Structures are given as structure tokens and as C-alpha cells.
N, C-alpha and C. Protein backbone atom coordinates (compact mmCIF):
# COMPACT_ATOMS: atom_id res chain seq x y z
N MET A 1 121.94 -148.41 -92.82
CA MET A 1 122.65 -147.29 -92.26
C MET A 1 124.01 -147.74 -91.77
N GLY A 2 125.04 -146.98 -92.11
CA GLY A 2 126.40 -147.32 -91.73
C GLY A 2 126.69 -147.01 -90.27
N LYS A 3 127.83 -147.48 -89.83
CA LYS A 3 128.30 -147.27 -88.46
C LYS A 3 129.65 -146.58 -88.48
N ILE A 4 129.95 -145.89 -87.40
CA ILE A 4 131.28 -145.36 -87.16
C ILE A 4 131.87 -146.15 -86.00
N PHE A 5 132.90 -146.92 -86.27
CA PHE A 5 133.58 -147.68 -85.23
C PHE A 5 134.66 -146.78 -84.65
N TYR A 6 134.51 -146.49 -83.35
CA TYR A 6 135.28 -145.45 -82.70
C TYR A 6 136.31 -146.06 -81.77
N ILE A 7 137.57 -146.08 -82.21
CA ILE A 7 138.64 -146.69 -81.44
C ILE A 7 139.20 -145.71 -80.42
N MET A 8 139.31 -146.18 -79.20
CA MET A 8 139.86 -145.38 -78.11
C MET A 8 140.84 -146.22 -77.30
N GLY A 9 141.72 -145.56 -76.61
CA GLY A 9 142.65 -146.25 -75.73
C GLY A 9 143.69 -145.27 -75.24
N LYS A 10 144.31 -145.61 -74.15
CA LYS A 10 145.37 -144.77 -73.60
C LYS A 10 146.54 -144.71 -74.59
N SER A 11 147.38 -143.70 -74.43
CA SER A 11 148.53 -143.55 -75.33
C SER A 11 149.38 -144.81 -75.33
N SER A 12 149.88 -145.16 -76.51
CA SER A 12 150.78 -146.30 -76.72
C SER A 12 150.14 -147.64 -76.41
N CYS A 13 148.82 -147.74 -76.55
CA CYS A 13 148.15 -149.04 -76.36
C CYS A 13 148.10 -149.82 -77.68
N GLY A 14 148.51 -149.19 -78.78
CA GLY A 14 148.50 -149.87 -80.07
C GLY A 14 147.34 -149.50 -80.96
N LYS A 15 146.56 -148.49 -80.58
CA LYS A 15 145.36 -148.18 -81.35
C LYS A 15 145.65 -147.75 -82.78
N ASP A 16 146.75 -147.02 -83.02
CA ASP A 16 147.08 -146.61 -84.39
C ASP A 16 147.40 -147.83 -85.26
N THR A 17 148.15 -148.77 -84.72
CA THR A 17 148.49 -149.99 -85.46
C THR A 17 147.24 -150.82 -85.73
N ILE A 18 146.39 -150.96 -84.73
CA ILE A 18 145.14 -151.72 -84.89
C ILE A 18 144.24 -151.04 -85.91
N TYR A 19 144.14 -149.74 -85.84
CA TYR A 19 143.34 -148.96 -86.78
C TYR A 19 143.79 -149.23 -88.22
N LYS A 20 145.09 -149.17 -88.46
CA LYS A 20 145.62 -149.38 -89.82
C LYS A 20 145.37 -150.81 -90.29
N LYS A 21 145.51 -151.77 -89.39
CA LYS A 21 145.26 -153.17 -89.78
C LYS A 21 143.78 -153.39 -90.12
N LEU A 22 142.89 -152.80 -89.34
CA LEU A 22 141.46 -152.94 -89.61
C LEU A 22 141.08 -152.28 -90.93
N LEU A 23 141.70 -151.15 -91.23
CA LEU A 23 141.44 -150.47 -92.51
C LEU A 23 141.84 -151.34 -93.70
N SER A 24 142.87 -152.17 -93.51
CA SER A 24 143.38 -152.99 -94.62
C SER A 24 142.57 -154.27 -94.85
N LEU A 25 141.64 -154.59 -93.95
CA LEU A 25 140.89 -155.84 -94.06
C LEU A 25 139.71 -155.67 -95.04
N ASP A 26 139.77 -156.40 -96.14
CA ASP A 26 138.72 -156.29 -97.15
C ASP A 26 137.34 -156.65 -96.60
N LYS A 27 137.28 -157.64 -95.71
CA LYS A 27 135.99 -158.06 -95.16
C LYS A 27 135.28 -156.93 -94.42
N CYS A 28 136.07 -156.11 -93.71
CA CYS A 28 135.48 -155.02 -92.95
C CYS A 28 135.04 -153.86 -93.85
N ASN A 29 135.79 -153.61 -94.91
CA ASN A 29 135.46 -152.57 -95.88
C ASN A 29 135.14 -151.23 -95.20
N LEU A 30 136.09 -150.77 -94.38
CA LEU A 30 135.90 -149.55 -93.62
C LEU A 30 136.55 -148.36 -94.32
N LYS A 31 135.92 -147.22 -94.25
CA LYS A 31 136.48 -145.97 -94.73
C LYS A 31 136.99 -145.21 -93.50
N ARG A 32 137.96 -144.35 -93.70
CA ARG A 32 138.52 -143.61 -92.58
C ARG A 32 137.88 -142.24 -92.43
N ILE A 33 137.72 -141.84 -91.18
CA ILE A 33 137.42 -140.44 -90.86
C ILE A 33 138.74 -139.88 -90.37
N VAL A 34 139.30 -138.96 -91.13
CA VAL A 34 140.60 -138.41 -90.79
C VAL A 34 140.40 -137.19 -89.89
N PRO A 35 140.95 -137.23 -88.66
CA PRO A 35 140.83 -136.08 -87.76
C PRO A 35 141.79 -134.95 -88.18
N TYR A 36 141.60 -133.82 -87.55
CA TYR A 36 142.42 -132.64 -87.80
C TYR A 36 143.20 -132.30 -86.53
N THR A 37 144.36 -131.67 -86.69
CA THR A 37 145.13 -131.24 -85.52
C THR A 37 145.99 -130.03 -85.87
N THR A 38 146.28 -129.24 -84.83
CA THR A 38 147.20 -128.12 -84.98
C THR A 38 148.60 -128.49 -84.49
N ARG A 39 148.78 -129.70 -83.98
CA ARG A 39 150.11 -130.08 -83.49
C ARG A 39 151.05 -130.33 -84.67
N PRO A 40 152.36 -130.27 -84.43
CA PRO A 40 153.31 -130.54 -85.51
C PRO A 40 153.23 -131.99 -85.98
N ILE A 41 153.51 -132.19 -87.23
CA ILE A 41 153.53 -133.53 -87.81
C ILE A 41 154.72 -134.31 -87.23
N ARG A 42 154.51 -135.60 -86.94
CA ARG A 42 155.60 -136.44 -86.43
C ARG A 42 156.28 -137.13 -87.60
N ASP A 43 157.48 -137.64 -87.33
CA ASP A 43 158.19 -138.42 -88.34
C ASP A 43 157.28 -139.55 -88.82
N LYS A 44 157.25 -139.78 -90.11
CA LYS A 44 156.51 -140.87 -90.77
C LYS A 44 155.01 -140.63 -90.86
N GLU A 45 154.49 -139.54 -90.32
CA GLU A 45 153.07 -139.24 -90.49
C GLU A 45 152.86 -138.58 -91.85
N GLN A 46 151.64 -138.74 -92.39
CA GLN A 46 151.30 -138.14 -93.68
C GLN A 46 150.07 -137.26 -93.52
N ASN A 47 150.17 -136.05 -94.05
CA ASN A 47 149.03 -135.14 -94.04
C ASN A 47 147.90 -135.73 -94.88
N GLY A 48 146.69 -135.74 -94.32
CA GLY A 48 145.54 -136.29 -95.03
C GLY A 48 145.35 -137.77 -94.83
N VAL A 49 146.31 -138.42 -94.18
CA VAL A 49 146.22 -139.85 -93.90
C VAL A 49 146.08 -140.05 -92.39
N ASP A 50 147.10 -139.61 -91.64
CA ASP A 50 147.06 -139.74 -90.18
C ASP A 50 146.19 -138.65 -89.58
N TYR A 51 146.40 -137.44 -90.04
CA TYR A 51 145.62 -136.25 -89.65
C TYR A 51 145.65 -135.28 -90.82
N TYR A 52 144.76 -134.32 -90.76
CA TYR A 52 144.94 -133.11 -91.55
C TYR A 52 145.63 -132.14 -90.61
N PHE A 53 146.84 -131.72 -90.95
CA PHE A 53 147.60 -130.81 -90.11
C PHE A 53 147.27 -129.38 -90.54
N ILE A 54 146.65 -128.63 -89.62
CA ILE A 54 146.18 -127.29 -89.94
C ILE A 54 146.71 -126.29 -88.93
N ASP A 55 146.55 -125.02 -89.24
CA ASP A 55 146.93 -123.98 -88.30
C ASP A 55 145.66 -123.40 -87.65
N ASP A 56 145.85 -122.50 -86.69
CA ASP A 56 144.71 -121.92 -85.98
C ASP A 56 143.79 -121.11 -86.89
N ALA A 57 144.35 -120.49 -87.92
CA ALA A 57 143.52 -119.71 -88.85
C ALA A 57 142.54 -120.62 -89.58
N LYS A 58 142.99 -121.79 -90.00
CA LYS A 58 142.11 -122.74 -90.69
C LYS A 58 141.06 -123.27 -89.72
N LEU A 59 141.47 -123.54 -88.49
CA LEU A 59 140.52 -123.99 -87.47
C LEU A 59 139.42 -122.95 -87.29
N GLU A 60 139.78 -121.69 -87.21
CA GLU A 60 138.79 -120.63 -87.03
C GLU A 60 137.88 -120.51 -88.25
N GLU A 61 138.42 -120.79 -89.42
CA GLU A 61 137.58 -120.80 -90.63
C GLU A 61 136.51 -121.89 -90.52
N TYR A 62 136.90 -123.08 -90.08
CA TYR A 62 135.93 -124.18 -89.89
C TYR A 62 134.91 -123.82 -88.82
N ARG A 63 135.38 -123.20 -87.74
CA ARG A 63 134.48 -122.80 -86.67
C ARG A 63 133.45 -121.79 -87.20
N GLY A 64 133.92 -120.83 -87.97
CA GLY A 64 133.04 -119.81 -88.53
C GLY A 64 131.97 -120.38 -89.44
N LYS A 65 132.30 -121.48 -90.11
CA LYS A 65 131.35 -122.14 -91.01
C LYS A 65 130.48 -123.17 -90.28
N GLY A 66 130.70 -123.34 -88.97
CA GLY A 66 129.90 -124.30 -88.20
C GLY A 66 130.20 -125.75 -88.53
N LEU A 67 131.42 -126.05 -88.94
CA LEU A 67 131.76 -127.40 -89.40
C LEU A 67 132.44 -128.26 -88.33
N ILE A 68 132.74 -127.70 -87.18
CA ILE A 68 133.46 -128.46 -86.15
C ILE A 68 132.47 -129.31 -85.35
N ILE A 69 132.68 -130.63 -85.39
CA ILE A 69 131.84 -131.57 -84.64
C ILE A 69 132.32 -131.65 -83.20
N GLU A 70 133.62 -131.76 -83.03
CA GLU A 70 134.19 -131.82 -81.69
C GLU A 70 135.59 -131.24 -81.74
N LEU A 71 135.98 -130.61 -80.63
CA LEU A 71 137.28 -129.95 -80.53
C LEU A 71 137.82 -130.15 -79.13
N ARG A 72 139.08 -130.60 -79.05
CA ARG A 72 139.76 -130.77 -77.77
C ARG A 72 141.05 -129.97 -77.79
N GLU A 73 141.37 -129.35 -76.67
CA GLU A 73 142.62 -128.60 -76.54
C GLU A 73 143.44 -129.20 -75.41
N TYR A 74 144.72 -129.37 -75.68
CA TYR A 74 145.63 -129.91 -74.67
C TYR A 74 146.76 -128.92 -74.44
N ASN A 75 146.95 -128.54 -73.19
CA ASN A 75 148.02 -127.63 -72.83
C ASN A 75 149.28 -128.46 -72.63
N THR A 76 150.03 -128.64 -73.70
CA THR A 76 151.21 -129.50 -73.68
C THR A 76 152.43 -128.70 -73.24
N VAL A 77 153.53 -129.38 -73.07
CA VAL A 77 154.77 -128.69 -72.72
C VAL A 77 155.27 -127.85 -73.88
N HIS A 78 154.69 -128.00 -75.06
CA HIS A 78 155.08 -127.25 -76.25
C HIS A 78 154.03 -126.21 -76.64
N GLY A 79 153.07 -125.98 -75.78
CA GLY A 79 151.99 -125.05 -76.09
C GLY A 79 150.68 -125.78 -76.26
N ILE A 80 149.66 -125.07 -76.70
CA ILE A 80 148.33 -125.68 -76.85
C ILE A 80 148.24 -126.37 -78.20
N TRP A 81 147.91 -127.67 -78.16
CA TRP A 81 147.66 -128.46 -79.37
C TRP A 81 146.18 -128.75 -79.41
N LYS A 82 145.58 -128.61 -80.57
CA LYS A 82 144.15 -128.83 -80.74
C LYS A 82 143.91 -130.02 -81.68
N TYR A 83 142.93 -130.81 -81.31
CA TYR A 83 142.49 -131.95 -82.11
C TYR A 83 141.01 -131.78 -82.36
N LEU A 84 140.57 -132.07 -83.58
CA LEU A 84 139.16 -131.84 -83.89
C LEU A 84 138.68 -132.79 -84.98
N THR A 85 137.36 -132.95 -85.01
CA THR A 85 136.69 -133.65 -86.10
C THR A 85 135.83 -132.62 -86.81
N VAL A 86 135.94 -132.62 -88.12
CA VAL A 86 135.27 -131.62 -88.94
C VAL A 86 134.26 -132.31 -89.85
N ASP A 87 133.08 -131.72 -89.98
CA ASP A 87 132.10 -132.20 -90.94
C ASP A 87 132.53 -131.67 -92.31
N ASP A 88 133.49 -132.40 -92.91
CA ASP A 88 134.10 -131.96 -94.16
C ASP A 88 133.45 -132.56 -95.41
N GLY A 89 132.30 -133.22 -95.22
CA GLY A 89 131.58 -133.79 -96.36
C GLY A 89 132.09 -135.15 -96.79
N ASN A 90 133.05 -135.71 -96.06
CA ASN A 90 133.63 -137.00 -96.46
C ASN A 90 133.01 -138.20 -95.76
N THR A 91 132.00 -137.99 -94.92
CA THR A 91 131.36 -139.09 -94.19
C THR A 91 129.92 -139.24 -94.65
N ASP A 92 129.61 -140.40 -95.25
CA ASP A 92 128.27 -140.68 -95.76
C ASP A 92 127.80 -142.00 -95.16
N LEU A 93 127.07 -141.92 -94.05
CA LEU A 93 126.62 -143.14 -93.36
C LEU A 93 125.54 -143.88 -94.12
N GLU A 94 124.97 -143.29 -95.13
CA GLU A 94 124.00 -144.01 -95.97
C GLU A 94 124.71 -145.06 -96.82
N GLU A 95 125.99 -144.81 -97.12
CA GLU A 95 126.73 -145.66 -98.06
C GLU A 95 127.82 -146.52 -97.44
N ASN A 96 128.43 -146.07 -96.34
CA ASN A 96 129.64 -146.73 -95.85
C ASN A 96 129.67 -146.87 -94.34
N ASP A 97 130.55 -147.77 -93.89
CA ASP A 97 130.95 -147.87 -92.50
C ASP A 97 132.31 -147.19 -92.38
N TYR A 98 132.56 -146.60 -91.21
CA TYR A 98 133.78 -145.83 -91.01
C TYR A 98 134.50 -146.27 -89.75
N ILE A 99 135.76 -145.86 -89.69
CA ILE A 99 136.56 -146.09 -88.49
C ILE A 99 137.36 -144.83 -88.22
N THR A 100 137.52 -144.51 -86.95
CA THR A 100 138.33 -143.38 -86.55
C THR A 100 138.86 -143.62 -85.15
N ILE A 101 139.76 -142.75 -84.74
CA ILE A 101 140.38 -142.85 -83.42
C ILE A 101 140.06 -141.58 -82.64
N GLY A 102 139.78 -141.75 -81.34
CA GLY A 102 139.50 -140.58 -80.52
C GLY A 102 139.66 -140.89 -79.05
N THR A 103 139.06 -140.04 -78.25
CA THR A 103 139.10 -140.15 -76.78
C THR A 103 137.68 -140.28 -76.27
N PRO A 104 137.50 -140.64 -75.00
CA PRO A 104 136.13 -140.64 -74.46
C PRO A 104 135.44 -139.29 -74.62
N GLU A 105 136.18 -138.21 -74.44
CA GLU A 105 135.61 -136.87 -74.59
C GLU A 105 135.11 -136.63 -76.03
N SER A 106 135.93 -136.98 -77.01
CA SER A 106 135.52 -136.78 -78.40
C SER A 106 134.42 -137.76 -78.79
N TYR A 107 134.46 -138.98 -78.23
CA TYR A 107 133.42 -139.97 -78.49
C TYR A 107 132.05 -139.42 -78.08
N GLU A 108 131.99 -138.82 -76.89
CA GLU A 108 130.73 -138.27 -76.40
C GLU A 108 130.17 -137.22 -77.37
N LYS A 109 131.04 -136.35 -77.86
CA LYS A 109 130.59 -135.32 -78.79
C LYS A 109 130.18 -135.90 -80.14
N MET A 110 130.86 -136.93 -80.58
CA MET A 110 130.48 -137.60 -81.84
C MET A 110 129.11 -138.28 -81.69
N VAL A 111 128.87 -138.88 -80.54
CA VAL A 111 127.56 -139.49 -80.28
C VAL A 111 126.47 -138.42 -80.30
N ASN A 112 126.75 -137.27 -79.70
CA ASN A 112 125.77 -136.18 -79.72
C ASN A 112 125.49 -135.70 -81.14
N TYR A 113 126.47 -135.77 -82.01
CA TYR A 113 126.33 -135.29 -83.39
C TYR A 113 125.66 -136.34 -84.29
N TYR A 114 126.15 -137.59 -84.23
CA TYR A 114 125.69 -138.64 -85.14
C TYR A 114 124.60 -139.54 -84.55
N GLY A 115 124.46 -139.56 -83.22
CA GLY A 115 123.47 -140.42 -82.58
C GLY A 115 124.08 -141.71 -82.08
N THR A 116 123.55 -142.19 -80.97
CA THR A 116 124.08 -143.39 -80.30
C THR A 116 124.08 -144.61 -81.21
N LYS A 117 123.03 -144.77 -82.00
CA LYS A 117 122.93 -146.00 -82.82
C LYS A 117 123.94 -146.04 -83.96
N ASN A 118 124.58 -144.90 -84.27
CA ASN A 118 125.51 -144.85 -85.39
C ASN A 118 126.98 -144.94 -84.98
N ILE A 119 127.26 -144.85 -83.68
CA ILE A 119 128.65 -144.88 -83.19
C ILE A 119 128.84 -146.12 -82.32
N VAL A 120 129.87 -146.91 -82.63
CA VAL A 120 130.16 -148.12 -81.88
C VAL A 120 131.54 -147.96 -81.23
N PRO A 121 131.59 -147.86 -79.89
CA PRO A 121 132.88 -147.68 -79.22
C PRO A 121 133.70 -148.97 -79.16
N ILE A 122 135.00 -148.83 -79.33
CA ILE A 122 135.95 -149.95 -79.21
C ILE A 122 137.10 -149.45 -78.35
N LEU A 123 137.25 -150.02 -77.17
CA LEU A 123 138.30 -149.60 -76.24
C LEU A 123 139.44 -150.62 -76.26
N ILE A 124 140.66 -150.14 -76.54
CA ILE A 124 141.85 -150.98 -76.55
C ILE A 124 142.57 -150.79 -75.21
N THR A 125 142.95 -151.91 -74.58
CA THR A 125 143.68 -151.83 -73.32
C THR A 125 144.99 -152.61 -73.43
N VAL A 126 145.93 -152.23 -72.59
CA VAL A 126 147.20 -152.94 -72.47
C VAL A 126 147.80 -152.54 -71.11
N ASP A 127 148.63 -153.39 -70.57
CA ASP A 127 149.29 -153.14 -69.29
C ASP A 127 150.04 -151.80 -69.32
N ASP A 128 149.93 -151.03 -68.24
CA ASP A 128 150.56 -149.70 -68.18
C ASP A 128 152.08 -149.77 -68.36
N GLY A 129 152.72 -150.78 -67.82
CA GLY A 129 154.17 -150.91 -67.99
C GLY A 129 154.55 -151.12 -69.44
N VAL A 130 153.78 -151.91 -70.14
CA VAL A 130 154.01 -152.14 -71.58
C VAL A 130 153.79 -150.84 -72.35
N ARG A 131 152.73 -150.10 -71.98
CA ARG A 131 152.47 -148.82 -72.64
C ARG A 131 153.63 -147.85 -72.48
N LEU A 132 154.16 -147.78 -71.28
CA LEU A 132 155.26 -146.87 -71.01
C LEU A 132 156.50 -147.25 -71.82
N GLU A 133 156.79 -148.55 -71.90
CA GLU A 133 157.92 -149.01 -72.71
C GLU A 133 157.73 -148.64 -74.17
N ARG A 134 156.52 -148.84 -74.69
CA ARG A 134 156.23 -148.51 -76.09
C ARG A 134 156.35 -147.01 -76.34
N ALA A 135 155.83 -146.22 -75.42
CA ALA A 135 155.88 -144.76 -75.57
C ALA A 135 157.32 -144.28 -75.62
N LEU A 136 158.15 -144.82 -74.74
CA LEU A 136 159.56 -144.41 -74.70
C LEU A 136 160.28 -144.82 -75.98
N LYS A 137 160.01 -146.01 -76.45
CA LYS A 137 160.63 -146.48 -77.69
C LYS A 137 160.23 -145.59 -78.87
N ARG A 138 158.95 -145.25 -78.96
CA ARG A 138 158.46 -144.40 -80.05
C ARG A 138 159.09 -143.01 -79.97
N GLU A 139 159.18 -142.48 -78.76
CA GLU A 139 159.72 -141.13 -78.60
C GLU A 139 161.20 -141.10 -78.94
N ARG A 140 161.93 -142.12 -78.54
CA ARG A 140 163.37 -142.18 -78.86
C ARG A 140 163.62 -142.19 -80.36
N ALA A 141 162.67 -142.73 -81.12
CA ALA A 141 162.82 -142.83 -82.58
C ALA A 141 162.56 -141.50 -83.30
N GLN A 142 162.01 -140.52 -82.58
CA GLN A 142 161.73 -139.22 -83.19
C GLN A 142 163.03 -138.43 -83.37
N GLU A 143 163.06 -137.59 -84.40
CA GLU A 143 164.24 -136.75 -84.62
C GLU A 143 164.49 -135.83 -83.43
N LYS A 144 163.40 -135.29 -82.87
CA LYS A 144 163.49 -134.44 -81.68
C LYS A 144 162.52 -134.99 -80.63
N PRO A 145 162.99 -135.93 -79.81
CA PRO A 145 162.10 -136.53 -78.80
C PRO A 145 161.51 -135.48 -77.86
N LYS A 146 160.25 -135.72 -77.48
CA LYS A 146 159.53 -134.83 -76.57
C LYS A 146 159.12 -135.65 -75.34
N TYR A 147 160.10 -135.95 -74.50
CA TYR A 147 159.87 -136.83 -73.35
C TYR A 147 158.91 -136.24 -72.33
N ALA A 148 158.99 -134.95 -72.10
CA ALA A 148 158.09 -134.33 -71.13
C ALA A 148 156.65 -134.46 -71.59
N GLU A 149 156.40 -134.26 -72.87
CA GLU A 149 155.04 -134.40 -73.41
C GLU A 149 154.57 -135.85 -73.33
N MET A 150 155.48 -136.79 -73.58
CA MET A 150 155.15 -138.21 -73.45
C MET A 150 154.67 -138.50 -72.03
N CYS A 151 155.39 -137.99 -71.03
CA CYS A 151 155.02 -138.22 -69.64
C CYS A 151 153.69 -137.55 -69.30
N ARG A 152 153.47 -136.33 -69.79
CA ARG A 152 152.21 -135.63 -69.54
C ARG A 152 151.03 -136.43 -70.07
N ARG A 153 151.17 -136.94 -71.30
CA ARG A 153 150.09 -137.73 -71.90
C ARG A 153 149.83 -139.00 -71.11
N PHE A 154 150.89 -139.67 -70.70
CA PHE A 154 150.76 -140.91 -69.96
C PHE A 154 149.97 -140.69 -68.68
N LEU A 155 150.29 -139.63 -67.95
CA LEU A 155 149.61 -139.33 -66.69
C LEU A 155 148.17 -138.83 -66.92
N ALA A 156 147.97 -138.04 -67.96
CA ALA A 156 146.63 -137.51 -68.25
C ALA A 156 145.66 -138.63 -68.61
N ASP A 157 146.17 -139.71 -69.18
CA ASP A 157 145.31 -140.84 -69.56
C ASP A 157 144.57 -141.44 -68.37
N GLU A 158 145.19 -141.40 -67.19
CA GLU A 158 144.55 -141.98 -66.00
C GLU A 158 143.22 -141.30 -65.72
N GLN A 159 143.16 -140.00 -65.89
CA GLN A 159 141.91 -139.28 -65.67
C GLN A 159 140.98 -139.42 -66.87
N ASP A 160 141.52 -139.26 -68.08
CA ASP A 160 140.69 -139.27 -69.29
C ASP A 160 140.00 -140.62 -69.50
N PHE A 161 140.63 -141.71 -69.05
CA PHE A 161 140.07 -143.05 -69.23
C PHE A 161 139.68 -143.68 -67.90
N SER A 162 139.25 -142.85 -66.95
CA SER A 162 138.85 -143.38 -65.64
C SER A 162 137.62 -144.27 -65.79
N LYS A 163 137.46 -145.19 -64.86
CA LYS A 163 136.31 -146.10 -64.88
C LYS A 163 135.00 -145.32 -64.84
N GLU A 164 134.97 -144.24 -64.08
CA GLU A 164 133.75 -143.42 -63.97
C GLU A 164 133.36 -142.84 -65.32
N ILE A 165 134.32 -142.33 -66.07
CA ILE A 165 134.03 -141.76 -67.39
C ILE A 165 133.59 -142.84 -68.36
N LEU A 166 134.30 -143.96 -68.38
CA LEU A 166 133.95 -145.05 -69.30
C LEU A 166 132.56 -145.59 -68.99
N ASP A 167 132.25 -145.75 -67.70
CA ASP A 167 130.91 -146.24 -67.31
C ASP A 167 129.83 -145.24 -67.69
N LYS A 168 130.07 -143.96 -67.44
CA LYS A 168 129.09 -142.92 -67.76
C LYS A 168 128.75 -142.91 -69.25
N LEU A 169 129.76 -143.14 -70.10
CA LEU A 169 129.56 -143.10 -71.55
C LEU A 169 129.15 -144.46 -72.13
N GLY A 170 129.10 -145.48 -71.30
CA GLY A 170 128.71 -146.82 -71.78
C GLY A 170 129.75 -147.45 -72.70
N ILE A 171 131.00 -147.13 -72.46
CA ILE A 171 132.09 -147.69 -73.28
C ILE A 171 132.50 -149.01 -72.64
N ASP A 172 131.95 -150.11 -73.19
CA ASP A 172 132.20 -151.41 -72.57
C ASP A 172 132.61 -152.49 -73.56
N ASN A 173 132.92 -152.11 -74.79
CA ASN A 173 133.45 -153.06 -75.77
C ASN A 173 134.98 -152.99 -75.65
N VAL A 174 135.55 -153.86 -74.80
CA VAL A 174 136.96 -153.77 -74.43
C VAL A 174 137.74 -154.92 -75.05
N PHE A 175 138.90 -154.56 -75.65
CA PHE A 175 139.75 -155.55 -76.29
C PHE A 175 141.18 -155.37 -75.79
N ALA A 176 141.73 -156.44 -75.19
CA ALA A 176 143.09 -156.39 -74.66
C ALA A 176 144.09 -156.64 -75.79
N ASN A 177 145.04 -155.73 -75.93
CA ASN A 177 146.05 -155.84 -76.98
C ASN A 177 147.31 -156.51 -76.43
N ASP A 178 147.13 -157.72 -75.91
CA ASP A 178 148.27 -158.50 -75.42
C ASP A 178 148.96 -159.22 -76.57
N ASP A 179 148.19 -159.58 -77.58
CA ASP A 179 148.69 -160.20 -78.80
C ASP A 179 148.02 -159.46 -79.96
N LEU A 180 148.80 -158.75 -80.76
CA LEU A 180 148.24 -157.86 -81.78
C LEU A 180 147.32 -158.58 -82.75
N ASP A 181 147.77 -159.69 -83.32
CA ASP A 181 146.95 -160.38 -84.32
C ASP A 181 145.65 -160.91 -83.72
N GLU A 182 145.75 -161.43 -82.50
CA GLU A 182 144.55 -161.94 -81.83
C GLU A 182 143.57 -160.80 -81.56
N CYS A 183 144.10 -159.68 -81.11
CA CYS A 183 143.25 -158.51 -80.81
C CYS A 183 142.56 -158.01 -82.08
N VAL A 184 143.31 -157.90 -83.17
CA VAL A 184 142.73 -157.44 -84.45
C VAL A 184 141.65 -158.42 -84.90
N GLY A 185 141.90 -159.71 -84.76
CA GLY A 185 140.91 -160.72 -85.15
C GLY A 185 139.62 -160.60 -84.35
N GLU A 186 139.76 -160.37 -83.05
CA GLU A 186 138.57 -160.21 -82.20
C GLU A 186 137.77 -158.96 -82.59
N ILE A 187 138.48 -157.88 -82.88
CA ILE A 187 137.79 -156.65 -83.27
C ILE A 187 137.15 -156.81 -84.65
N GLU A 188 137.84 -157.49 -85.55
CA GLU A 188 137.27 -157.75 -86.88
C GLU A 188 135.94 -158.50 -86.74
N ASN A 189 135.91 -159.55 -85.94
CA ASN A 189 134.68 -160.31 -85.73
C ASN A 189 133.60 -159.45 -85.09
N PHE A 190 134.00 -158.59 -84.16
CA PHE A 190 133.06 -157.67 -83.51
C PHE A 190 132.45 -156.72 -84.53
N ILE A 191 133.27 -156.16 -85.40
CA ILE A 191 132.77 -155.24 -86.43
C ILE A 191 131.82 -155.97 -87.38
N LEU A 192 132.19 -157.14 -87.82
CA LEU A 192 131.34 -157.90 -88.74
C LEU A 192 130.01 -158.27 -88.10
N SER A 193 130.00 -158.45 -86.78
CA SER A 193 128.76 -158.80 -86.09
C SER A 193 127.79 -157.62 -86.04
N HIS A 194 128.28 -156.41 -86.32
CA HIS A 194 127.43 -155.23 -86.31
C HIS A 194 126.90 -154.87 -87.70
N ARG A 195 127.10 -155.74 -88.66
CA ARG A 195 126.60 -155.48 -90.00
C ARG A 195 125.18 -155.97 -90.13
């Protein structure tokens, strides 16, 4: 039976970069679970790779068909953005191991859907000052920076990733992203140990 390795971490902790590096490792042989979102696509993102970018009508179509595994709504400075995981027929745990990115809230719902033994949490951490510097650098590189939203996300992470929530969900596989290659190597070994 395959596993879903579930990467989580506060904004700008490097989880997207780590996710992409792990996907490229032949030894891990991981398939991606691509999440869905109603938020606008960012510069350099690709539809169907980073997310499936959908509108509310498509989301309601999935809801009507009972295909939504988990759904989160964020009241951003630009309106409500929705993130979701859809049972789109692309995940076969009999055949493959998978990797995806989410939050503690979405992790809990995925565990309820797939079962505890099939989901392996991976929490990425980094110093808050480093995260803030990275977030600002990334936002400055956007054609239309959204600094207020960057700040909202940074502050919301304190609650979303509180010790109480992490302890309640049993999220204790923690990897410090102080050195990217070292962190990826540690996670690679962790994933291989679950085979």
C-alpha cells in the first residue's frame, strides 16, 4: 500500500522548493497530488503543475459530485481564496507513493479521508526572520506585489501552526530548512525508511 507524504510549513519556509526537489529524486519515485485553488495564478506558476486554477462554478461542480476531500477558505485582502483537494481519480495508493503540500487543517481532513496509516506528515521549519525575508523577496519579484496579503499570511501562520494544533494532530516529523540540500537529504532518507 502506498503512502501520501504530506508536506506542511509556514509560508516561505521553503516547502515548495523542497517538494519540487523530492519529486525529482528517482529513488523516492513520488507522484504528485496537485491541489486546486480559486486564487489567481502567480508569475511562473503552471496550471496543472503547481495547482489546478479553477473558478467558483467549477468548485461547485466538484462539490455537487461529492469529489471534494478537503476545502479551506481564506478571507484575503483580495477577497476569498479557496484551496481544495479533489478526488479526481489521479491518486492510486495501490500502485504509487505520493507527495503533496498542505496545512494542518487540510492534513486532518486528508487523514479522515485516506486513513492515518496512509498519510505521513512532514513539517518544514525555518527561523521566522528568514521566512519574512524570503516572503518579501518573493513578493517583490511579482508583477503586482501583494504585500498586505503577504503580511496576513505570515501572521495567520502563528495560529495555524500552533504547538497545540501540531500536538493534537500528531505532526512530529520535523525538518529544519537551515540548509536546503541537507534538509532534502534528511527528508529523502525519511521517505525511504517508510517503504
